[in-house]
């Protein structure tokens, strides 16, 4: 579970760097960062609840959404895409 304060911190950090300002929560990079934080937060839940298949489906939906946002960002700006995945510690 991601808190409101953590979300605001992510919006401020990534909105200032990739968006139009510190309050730009709708920019693609901010959405990817928030989804990444939510996905990483579920790791502990799945260690405790191995057979939670319903939450696993939600996790897979979040991963798919993040993948599509990254695909959009890659088509829009290759430099911004590479910088974002470097900041978030994602693949490649």
PDB file of N, CA and C in Angstrom:
ATOM      1  N   UNK A   1       0.835  -1.176   0.000  1.00  0.00           N
ATOM      2  CA  UNK A   1       0.000   0.000   0.000  1.00  0.00           C
ATOM      3  C   UNK A   1       0.879   1.237   0.000  1.00  0.00           C
ATOM      4  N   UNK A   2       0.587   2.147  -0.873  1.00  0.00           N
ATOM      5  CA  UNK A   2       1.358   3.376  -0.982  1.00  0.00           C
ATOM      6  C   UNK A   2       0.579   4.505  -0.285  1.00  0.00           C
ATOM      7  N   UNK A   3       1.266   5.279   0.530  1.00  0.00           N
ATOM      8  CA  UNK A   3       0.612   6.343   1.285  1.00  0.00           C
ATOM      9  C   UNK A   3       0.470   7.603   0.434  1.00  0.00           C
ATOM     10  N   UNK A   4      -0.382   8.493   0.903  1.00  0.00           N
ATOM     11  CA  UNK A   4      -0.599   9.758   0.210  1.00  0.00           C
ATOM     12  C   UNK A   4       0.670  10.603   0.210  1.00  0.00           C
ATOM     13  N   UNK A   5       1.409  10.557   1.305  1.00  0.00           N
ATOM     14  CA  UNK A   5       2.643  11.331   1.397  1.00  0.00           C
ATOM     15  C   UNK A   5       3.689  10.821   0.404  1.00  0.00           C
ATOM     16  N   UNK A   6       3.774   9.497   0.284  1.00  0.00           N
ATOM     17  CA  UNK A   6       4.733   8.901  -0.653  1.00  0.00           C
ATOM     18  C   UNK A   6       4.360   9.253  -2.089  1.00  0.00           C
ATOM     19  N   UNK A   7       3.060   9.230  -2.390  1.00  0.00           N
ATOM     20  CA  UNK A   7       2.602   9.607  -3.724  1.00  0.00           C
ATOM     21  C   UNK A   7       2.937  11.065  -4.015  1.00  0.00           C
ATOM     22  N   UNK A   8       2.704  11.937  -3.046  1.00  0.00           N
ATOM     23  CA  UNK A   8       3.006  13.359  -3.226  1.00  0.00           C
ATOM     24  C   UNK A   8       4.497  13.572  -3.436  1.00  0.00           C
ATOM     25  N   UNK A   9       5.319  12.807  -2.732  1.00  0.00           N
ATOM     26  CA  UNK A   9       6.772  12.907  -2.889  1.00  0.00           C
ATOM     27  C   UNK A   9       7.195  12.472  -4.296  1.00  0.00           C
ATOM     28  N   UNK A  10       6.604  11.389  -4.784  1.00  0.00           N
ATOM     29  CA  UNK A  10       6.923  10.900  -6.133  1.00  0.00           C
ATOM     30  C   UNK A  10       6.493  11.920  -7.174  1.00  0.00           C
ATOM     31  N   UNK A  11       5.294  12.501  -7.000  1.00  0.00           N
ATOM     32  CA  UNK A  11       4.799  13.504  -7.945  1.00  0.00           C
ATOM     33  C   UNK A  11       5.714  14.717  -7.958  1.00  0.00           C
ATOM     34  N   UNK A  12       6.146  15.135  -6.786  1.00  0.00           N
ATOM     35  CA  UNK A  12       7.019  16.307  -6.694  1.00  0.00           C
ATOM     36  C   UNK A  12       8.360  16.030  -7.366  1.00  0.00           C
ATOM     37  N   UNK A  13       8.941  14.862  -7.110  1.00  0.00           N
ATOM     38  CA  UNK A  13      10.252  14.521  -7.653  1.00  0.00           C
ATOM     39  C   UNK A  13      10.215  14.335  -9.164  1.00  0.00           C
ATOM     40  N   UNK A  14       9.339  13.460  -9.618  1.00  0.00           N
ATOM     41  CA  UNK A  14       9.318  13.121 -11.042  1.00  0.00           C
ATOM     42  C   UNK A  14       8.572  14.169 -11.870  1.00  0.00           C
ATOM     43  N   UNK A  15       7.618  14.876 -11.271  1.00  0.00           N
ATOM     44  CA  UNK A  15       6.919  15.936 -11.978  1.00  0.00           C
ATOM     45  C   UNK A  15       7.837  17.094 -12.298  1.00  0.00           C
ATOM     46  N   UNK A  16       8.726  17.420 -11.361  1.00  0.00           N
ATOM     47  CA  UNK A  16       9.671  18.510 -11.599  1.00  0.00           C
ATOM     48  C   UNK A  16      10.708  18.119 -12.649  1.00  0.00           C
ATOM     49  N   UNK A  17      11.099  16.850 -12.661  1.00  0.00           N
ATOM     50  CA  UNK A  17      12.148  16.420 -13.582  1.00  0.00           C
ATOM     51  C   UNK A  17      11.616  16.138 -14.985  1.00  0.00           C
ATOM     52  N   UNK A  18      10.458  15.483 -15.083  1.00  0.00           N
ATOM     53  CA  UNK A  18       9.949  15.039 -16.382  1.00  0.00           C
ATOM     54  C   UNK A  18       8.696  15.773 -16.836  1.00  0.00           C
ATOM     55  N   UNK A  19       7.940  16.345 -15.912  1.00  0.00           N
ATOM     56  CA  UNK A  19       6.678  16.984 -16.255  1.00  0.00           C
ATOM     57  C   UNK A  19       6.811  18.484 -16.399  1.00  0.00           C
ATOM     58  N   UNK A  20       5.668  19.151 -16.281  1.00  0.00           N
ATOM     59  CA  UNK A  20       5.652  20.601 -16.438  1.00  0.00           C
ATOM     60  C   UNK A  20       5.793  21.329 -15.107  1.00  0.00           C
ATOM     61  N   UNK A  21       5.872  20.602 -14.012  1.00  0.00           N
ATOM     62  CA  UNK A  21       6.038  21.224 -12.710  1.00  0.00           C
ATOM     63  C   UNK A  21       5.947  20.201 -11.599  1.00  0.00           C
ATOM     64  N   UNK A  22       6.080  20.681 -10.377  1.00  0.00           N
ATOM     65  CA  UNK A  22       6.078  19.787  -9.219  1.00  0.00           C
ATOM     66  C   UNK A  22       4.712  19.177  -8.932  1.00  0.00           C
ATOM     67  N   UNK A  23       3.645  19.728  -9.510  1.00  0.00           N
ATOM     68  CA  UNK A  23       2.301  19.209  -9.253  1.00  0.00           C
ATOM     69  C   UNK A  23       1.725  18.485 -10.459  1.00  0.00           C
ATOM     70  N   UNK A  24       2.561  18.151 -11.431  1.00  0.00           N
ATOM     71  CA  UNK A  24       2.107  17.485 -12.651  1.00  0.00           C
ATOM     72  C   UNK A  24       2.030  15.981 -12.415  1.00  0.00           C
ATOM     73  N   UNK A  25       0.893  15.541 -11.880  1.00  0.00           N
ATOM     74  CA  UNK A  25       0.720  14.122 -11.555  1.00  0.00           C
ATOM     75  C   UNK A  25       0.254  13.315 -12.749  1.00  0.00           C
ATOM     76  N   UNK A  26      -0.131  13.970 -13.829  1.00  0.00           N
ATOM     77  CA  UNK A  26      -0.662  13.259 -14.978  1.00  0.00           C
ATOM     78  C   UNK A  26       0.373  12.907 -16.024  1.00  0.00           C
ATOM     79  N   UNK A  27       1.579  13.385 -15.866  1.00  0.00           N
ATOM     80  CA  UNK A  27       2.603  13.099 -16.868  1.00  0.00           C
ATOM     81  C   UNK A  27       2.958  11.609 -16.820  1.00  0.00           C
ATOM     82  N   UNK A  28       3.349  11.090 -17.955  1.00  0.00           N
ATOM     83  CA  UNK A  28       3.586   9.657 -18.100  1.00  0.00           C
ATOM     84  C   UNK A  28       4.652   9.157 -17.138  1.00  0.00           C
ATOM     85  N   UNK A  29       5.709   9.906 -16.974  1.00  0.00           N
ATOM     86  CA  UNK A  29       6.800   9.480 -16.101  1.00  0.00           C
ATOM     87  C   UNK A  29       6.337   9.364 -14.650  1.00  0.00           C
ATOM     88  N   UNK A  30       5.502  10.277 -14.211  1.00  0.00           N
ATOM     89  CA  UNK A  30       4.988  10.225 -12.833  1.00  0.00           C
ATOM     90  C   UNK A  30       4.085   9.012 -12.657  1.00  0.00           C
ATOM     91  N   UNK A  31       3.239   8.740 -13.645  1.00  0.00           N
ATOM     92  CA  UNK A  31       2.359   7.575 -13.566  1.00  0.00           C
ATOM     93  C   UNK A  31       3.159   6.277 -13.504  1.00  0.00           C
ATOM     94  N   UNK A  32       4.225   6.199 -14.290  1.00  0.00           N
ATOM     95  CA  UNK A  32       5.082   5.009 -14.274  1.00  0.00           C
ATOM     96  C   UNK A  32       5.764   4.872 -12.913  1.00  0.00           C
ATOM     97  N   UNK A  33       6.233   5.987 -12.351  1.00  0.00           N
ATOM     98  CA  UNK A  33       6.906   5.942 -11.053  1.00  0.00           C
ATOM     99  C   UNK A  33       5.954   5.494  -9.947  1.00  0.00           C
ATOM    100  N   UNK A  34       4.717   5.977  -9.976  1.00  0.00           N
ATOM    101  CA  UNK A  34       3.736   5.579  -8.965  1.00  0.00           C
ATOM    102  C   UNK A  34       3.394   4.101  -9.113  1.00  0.00           C
ATOM    103  N   UNK A  35       3.193   3.644 -10.336  1.00  0.00           N
ATOM    104  CA  UNK A  35       2.911   2.220 -10.551  1.00  0.00           C
ATOM    105  C   UNK A  35       4.080   1.348 -10.099  1.00  0.00           C
ATOM    106  N   UNK A  36       5.289   1.791 -10.356  1.00  0.00           N
ATOM    107  CA  UNK A  36       6.465   1.032  -9.934  1.00  0.00           C
ATOM    108  C   UNK A  36       6.522   0.922  -8.417  1.00  0.00           C
ATOM    109  N   UNK A  37       6.205   2.005  -7.727  1.00  0.00           N
ATOM    110  CA  UNK A  37       6.195   1.981  -6.264  1.00  0.00           C
ATOM    111  C   UNK A  37       5.116   1.030  -5.746  1.00  0.00           C
ATOM    112  N   UNK A  38       3.937   1.038  -6.363  1.00  0.00           N
ATOM    113  CA  UNK A  38       2.868   0.133  -5.951  1.00  0.00           C
ATOM    114  C   UNK A  38       3.245  -1.322  -6.213  1.00  0.00           C
ATOM    115  N   UNK A  39       3.869  -1.585  -7.362  1.00  0.00           N
ATOM    116  CA  UNK A  39       4.281  -2.944  -7.708  1.00  0.00           C
ATOM    117  C   UNK A  39       5.343  -3.445  -6.732  1.00  0.00           C
ATOM    118  N   UNK A  40       6.312  -2.601  -6.413  1.00  0.00           N
ATOM    119  CA  UNK A  40       7.366  -2.998  -5.474  1.00  0.00           C
ATOM    120  C   UNK A  40       6.807  -3.196  -4.064  1.00  0.00           C
ATOM    121  N   UNK A  41       5.759  -2.460  -3.713  1.00  0.00           N
ATOM    122  CA  UNK A  41       5.143  -2.593  -2.396  1.00  0.00           C
ATOM    123  C   UNK A  41       4.408  -3.908  -2.208  1.00  0.00           C
ATOM    124  N   UNK A  42       4.008  -4.533  -3.285  1.00  0.00           N
ATOM    125  CA  UNK A  42       3.277  -5.799  -3.191  1.00  0.00           C
ATOM    126  C   UNK A  42       4.189  -7.000  -2.971  1.00  0.00           C
ATOM    127  N   UNK A  43       5.479  -6.799  -3.077  1.00  0.00           N
ATOM    128  CA  UNK A  43       6.416  -7.911  -2.914  1.00  0.00           C
ATOM    129  C   UNK A  43       6.270  -8.577  -1.544  1.00  0.00           C
ATOM    130  N   UNK A  44       6.188  -7.781  -0.512  1.00  0.00           N
ATOM    131  CA  UNK A  44       6.043  -8.326   0.838  1.00  0.00           C
ATOM    132  C   UNK A  44       4.731  -9.058   1.037  1.00  0.00           C
ATOM    133  N   UNK A  45       3.681  -8.553   0.410  1.00  0.00           N
ATOM    134  CA  UNK A  45       2.381  -9.205   0.515  1.00  0.00           C
ATOM    135  C   UNK A  45       2.413 -10.598  -0.093  1.00  0.00           C
ATOM    136  N   UNK A  46       3.062 -10.729  -1.235  1.00  0.00           N
ATOM    137  CA  UNK A  46       3.088 -12.034  -1.898  1.00  0.00           C
ATOM    138  C   UNK A  46       4.061 -13.008  -1.237  1.00  0.00           C
ATOM    139  N   UNK A  47       5.019 -12.503  -0.464  1.00  0.00           N
ATOM    140  CA  UNK A  47       5.873 -13.405   0.305  1.00  0.00           C
ATOM    141  C   UNK A  47       5.076 -14.062   1.430  1.00  0.00           C
ATOM    142  N   UNK A  48       4.145 -13.303   2.022  1.00  0.00           N
ATOM    143  CA  UNK A  48       3.337 -13.835   3.109  1.00  0.00           C
ATOM    144  C   UNK A  48       2.144 -14.639   2.601  1.00  0.00           C
ATOM    145  N   UNK A  49       1.549 -14.213   1.493  1.00  0.00           N
ATOM    146  CA  UNK A  49       0.330 -14.813   0.960  1.00  0.00           C
ATOM    147  C   UNK A  49       0.612 -15.399  -0.419  1.00  0.00           C
ATOM    148  N   UNK A  50       1.186 -16.564  -0.437  1.00  0.00           N
ATOM    149  CA  UNK A  50       1.635 -17.185  -1.684  1.00  0.00           C
ATOM    150  C   UNK A  50       0.457 -17.497  -2.602  1.00  0.00           C
ATOM    151  N   UNK A  51      -0.673 -17.888  -2.039  1.00  0.00           N
ATOM    152  CA  UNK A  51      -1.809 -18.341  -2.847  1.00  0.00           C
ATOM    153  C   UNK A  51      -2.859 -17.254  -3.075  1.00  0.00           C
ATOM    154  N   UNK A  52      -2.475 -16.003  -2.994  1.00  0.00           N
ATOM    155  CA  UNK A  52      -3.410 -14.898  -3.225  1.00  0.00           C
ATOM    156  C   UNK A  52      -3.473 -14.610  -4.725  1.00  0.00           C
ATOM    157  N   UNK A  53      -4.275 -15.385  -5.418  1.00  0.00           N
ATOM    158  CA  UNK A  53      -4.336 -15.299  -6.877  1.00  0.00           C
ATOM    159  C   UNK A  53      -5.123 -14.077  -7.350  1.00  0.00           C
ATOM    160  N   UNK A  54      -6.063 -13.620  -6.555  1.00  0.00           N
ATOM    161  CA  UNK A  54      -6.847 -12.452  -6.949  1.00  0.00           C
ATOM    162  C   UNK A  54      -5.981 -11.191  -6.951  1.00  0.00           C
ATOM    163  N   UNK A  55      -5.150 -11.034  -5.959  1.00  0.00           N
ATOM    164  CA  UNK A  55      -4.241  -9.894  -5.936  1.00  0.00           C
ATOM    165  C   UNK A  55      -3.167 -10.030  -7.005  1.00  0.00           C
ATOM    166  N   UNK A  56      -2.815 -11.261  -7.324  1.00  0.00           N
ATOM    167  CA  UNK A  56      -1.832 -11.493  -8.380  1.00  0.00           C
ATOM    168  C   UNK A  56      -2.356 -10.988  -9.720  1.00  0.00           C
ATOM    169  N   UNK A  57      -3.651 -11.152  -9.952  1.00  0.00           N
ATOM    170  CA  UNK A  57      -4.247 -10.646 -11.187  1.00  0.00           C
ATOM    171  C   UNK A  57      -4.147  -9.123 -11.231  1.00  0.00           C
ATOM    172  N   UNK A  58      -4.411  -8.464 -10.106  1.00  0.00           N
ATOM    173  CA  UNK A  58      -4.278  -7.009 -10.035  1.00  0.00           C
ATOM    174  C   UNK A  58      -2.845  -6.563 -10.279  1.00  0.00           C
ATOM    175  N   UNK A  59      -1.897  -7.333  -9.758  1.00  0.00           N
ATOM    176  CA  UNK A  59      -0.485  -7.039  -9.985  1.00  0.00           C
ATOM    177  C   UNK A  59      -0.150  -7.130 -11.467  1.00  0.00           C
ATOM    178  N   UNK A  60      -0.638  -8.164 -12.117  1.00  0.00           N
ATOM    179  CA  UNK A  60      -0.366  -8.327 -13.548  1.00  0.00           C
ATOM    180  C   UNK A  60      -1.004  -7.208 -14.367  1.00  0.00           C
ATOM    181  N   UNK A  61      -2.165  -6.714 -13.946  1.00  0.00           N
ATOM    182  CA  UNK A  61      -2.793  -5.593 -14.628  1.00  0.00           C
ATOM    183  C   UNK A  61      -1.954  -4.319 -14.467  1.00  0.00           C
ATOM    184  N   UNK A  62      -1.404  -4.114 -13.262  1.00  0.00           N
ATOM    185  CA  UNK A  62      -0.546  -2.943 -13.038  1.00  0.00           C
ATOM    186  C   UNK A  62       0.718  -3.033 -13.885  1.00  0.00           C
ATOM    187  N   UNK A  63       1.298  -4.217 -13.977  1.00  0.00           N
ATOM    188  CA  UNK A  63       2.498  -4.402 -14.791  1.00  0.00           C
ATOM    189  C   UNK A  63       2.190  -4.132 -16.262  1.00  0.00           C
ATOM    190  N   UNK A  64       1.042  -4.589 -16.726  1.00  0.00           N
ATOM    191  CA  UNK A  64       0.649  -4.337 -18.110  1.00  0.00           C
ATOM    192  C   UNK A  64       0.423  -2.865 -18.380  1.00  0.00           C
ATOM    193  N   UNK A  65      -0.190  -2.176 -17.431  1.00  0.00           N
ATOM    194  CA  UNK A  65      -0.399  -0.732 -17.589  1.00  0.00           C
ATOM    195  C   UNK A  65       0.921   0.004 -17.625  1.00  0.00           C
ATOM    196  N   UNK A  66       1.842  -0.371 -16.730  1.00  0.00           N
ATOM    197  CA  UNK A  66       3.164   0.265 -16.731  1.00  0.00           C
ATOM    198  C   UNK A  66       3.884  -0.002 -18.037  1.00  0.00           C
ATOM    199  N   UNK A  67       3.772  -1.222 -18.556  1.00  0.00           N
ATOM    200  CA  UNK A  67       4.415  -1.568 -19.813  1.00  0.00           C
ATOM    201  C   UNK A  67       3.878  -0.712 -20.957  1.00  0.00           C
ATOM    202  N   UNK A  68       2.570  -0.515 -20.989  1.00  0.00           N
ATOM    203  CA  UNK A  68       1.992   0.285 -22.069  1.00  0.00           C
ATOM    204  C   UNK A  68       2.377   1.755 -21.943  1.00  0.00           C
ATOM    205  N   UNK A  69       2.456   2.271 -20.718  1.00  0.00           N
ATOM    206  CA  UNK A  69       2.900   3.651 -20.525  1.00  0.00           C
ATOM    207  C   UNK A  69       4.357   3.825 -20.942  1.00  0.00           C
ATOM    208  N   UNK A  70       5.184   2.833 -20.623  1.00  0.00           N
ATOM    209  CA  UNK A  70       6.589   2.904 -21.035  1.00  0.00           C
ATOM    210  C   UNK A  70       6.730   2.817 -22.551  1.00  0.00           C
ATOM    211  N   UNK A  71       5.895   2.014 -23.174  1.00  0.00           N
ATOM    212  CA  UNK A  71       5.916   1.905 -24.635  1.00  0.00           C
ATOM    213  C   UNK A  71       5.535   3.239 -25.269  1.00  0.00           C
ATOM    214  N   UNK A  72       4.521   3.900 -24.708  1.00  0.00           N
ATOM    215  CA  UNK A  72       4.121   5.218 -25.190  1.00  0.00           C
ATOM    216  C   UNK A  72       5.256   6.223 -25.016  1.00  0.00           C
ATOM    217  N   UNK A  73       5.877   6.219 -23.846  1.00  0.00           N
ATOM    218  CA  UNK A  73       6.958   7.159 -23.563  1.00  0.00           C
ATOM    219  C   UNK A  73       8.152   6.914 -24.472  1.00  0.00           C
ATOM    220  N   UNK A  74       8.431   5.650 -24.764  1.00  0.00           N
ATOM    221  CA  UNK A  74       9.555   5.324 -25.641  1.00  0.00           C
ATOM    222  C   UNK A  74       9.325   5.858 -27.057  1.00  0.00           C
ATOM    223  N   UNK A  75       8.085   5.789 -27.526  1.00  0.00           N
ATOM    224  CA  UNK A  75       7.762   6.321 -28.837  1.00  0.00           C
ATOM    225  C   UNK A  75       7.777   7.831 -28.881  1.00  0.00           C
ATOM    226  N   UNK A  76       7.467   8.448 -27.764  1.00  0.00           N
ATOM    227  CA  UNK A  76       7.401   9.907 -27.690  1.00  0.00           C
ATOM    228  C   UNK A  76       8.784  10.526 -27.527  1.00  0.00           C
ATOM    229  N   UNK A  77       9.578   9.980 -26.600  1.00  0.00           N
ATOM    230  CA  UNK A  77      10.897  10.553 -26.319  1.00  0.00           C
ATOM    231  C   UNK A  77      11.828   9.448 -25.809  1.00  0.00           C
ATOM    232  N   UNK A  78      12.735   9.020 -26.652  1.00  0.00           N
ATOM    233  CA  UNK A  78      13.667   7.938 -26.313  1.00  0.00           C
ATOM    234  C   UNK A  78      14.598   8.331 -25.157  1.00  0.00           C
ATOM    235  N   UNK A  79      15.051   9.591 -25.150  1.00  0.00           N
ATOM    236  CA  UNK A  79      15.954  10.042 -24.085  1.00  0.00           C
ATOM    237  C   UNK A  79      15.263  10.052 -22.726  1.00  0.00           C
ATOM    238  N   UNK A  80      14.027  10.541 -22.708  1.00  0.00           N
ATOM    239  CA  UNK A  80      13.275  10.574 -21.461  1.00  0.00           C
ATOM    240  C   UNK A  80      12.988   9.156 -20.970  1.00  0.00           C
ATOM    241  N   UNK A  81      12.701   8.251 -21.893  1.00  0.00           N
ATOM    242  CA  UNK A  81      12.454   6.847 -21.558  1.00  0.00           C
ATOM    243  C   UNK A  81      13.676   6.228 -20.897  1.00  0.00           C
ATOM    244  N   UNK A  82      14.837   6.399 -21.510  1.00  0.00           N
ATOM    245  CA  UNK A  82      16.061   5.814 -20.959  1.00  0.00           C
ATOM    246  C   UNK A  82      16.405   6.414 -19.602  1.00  0.00           C
ATOM    247  N   UNK A  83      16.197   7.701 -19.464  1.00  0.00           N
ATOM    248  CA  UNK A  83      16.468   8.357 -18.190  1.00  0.00           C
ATOM    249  C   UNK A  83      15.532   7.844 -17.096  1.00  0.00           C
ATOM    250  N   UNK A  84      14.264   7.664 -17.435  1.00  0.00           N
ATOM    251  CA  UNK A  84      13.280   7.204 -16.451  1.00  0.00           C
ATOM    252  C   UNK A  84      13.562   5.785 -15.987  1.00  0.00           C
ATOM    253  N   UNK A  85      13.834   4.872 -16.918  1.00  0.00           N
ATOM    254  CA  UNK A  85      14.085   3.494 -16.481  1.00  0.00           C
ATOM    255  C   UNK A  85      15.397   3.397 -15.703  1.00  0.00           C
ATOM    256  N   UNK A  86      16.319   4.309 -15.980  1.00  0.00           N
ATOM    257  CA  UNK A  86      17.545   4.360 -15.190  1.00  0.00           C
ATOM    258  C   UNK A  86      17.265   4.845 -13.766  1.00  0.00           C
ATOM    259  N   UNK A  87      16.425   5.864 -13.640  1.00  0.00           N
ATOM    260  CA  UNK A  87      16.074   6.405 -12.316  1.00  0.00           C
ATOM    261  C   UNK A  87      15.288   5.404 -11.485  1.00  0.00           C
ATOM    262  N   UNK A  88      14.422   4.639 -12.141  1.00  0.00           N
ATOM    263  CA  UNK A  88      13.577   3.694 -11.415  1.00  0.00           C
ATOM    264  C   UNK A  88      14.242   2.332 -11.215  1.00  0.00           C
ATOM    265  N   UNK A  89      15.335   2.098 -11.887  1.00  0.00           N
ATOM    266  CA  UNK A  89      16.032   0.821 -11.754  1.00  0.00           C
ATOM    267  C   UNK A  89      15.325  -0.298 -12.473  1.00  0.00           C
ATOM    268  N   UNK A  90      14.682   0.023 -13.574  1.00  0.00           N
ATOM    269  CA  UNK A  90      13.998  -1.001 -14.366  1.00  0.00           C
ATOM    270  C   UNK A  90      14.978  -1.614 -15.360  1.00  0.00           C
ATOM    271  N   UNK A  91      14.496  -2.420 -16.232  1.00  0.00           N
ATOM    272  CA  UNK A  91      15.306  -3.190 -17.165  1.00  0.00           C
ATOM    273  C   UNK A  91      16.170  -2.314 -18.066  1.00  0.00           C
ATOM    274  N   UNK A  92      17.023  -2.993 -18.804  1.00  0.00           N
ATOM    275  CA  UNK A  92      17.894  -2.429 -19.837  1.00  0.00           C
ATOM    276  C   UNK A  92      18.801  -1.382 -19.261  1.00  0.00           C
TER     277      UNK A  92
END
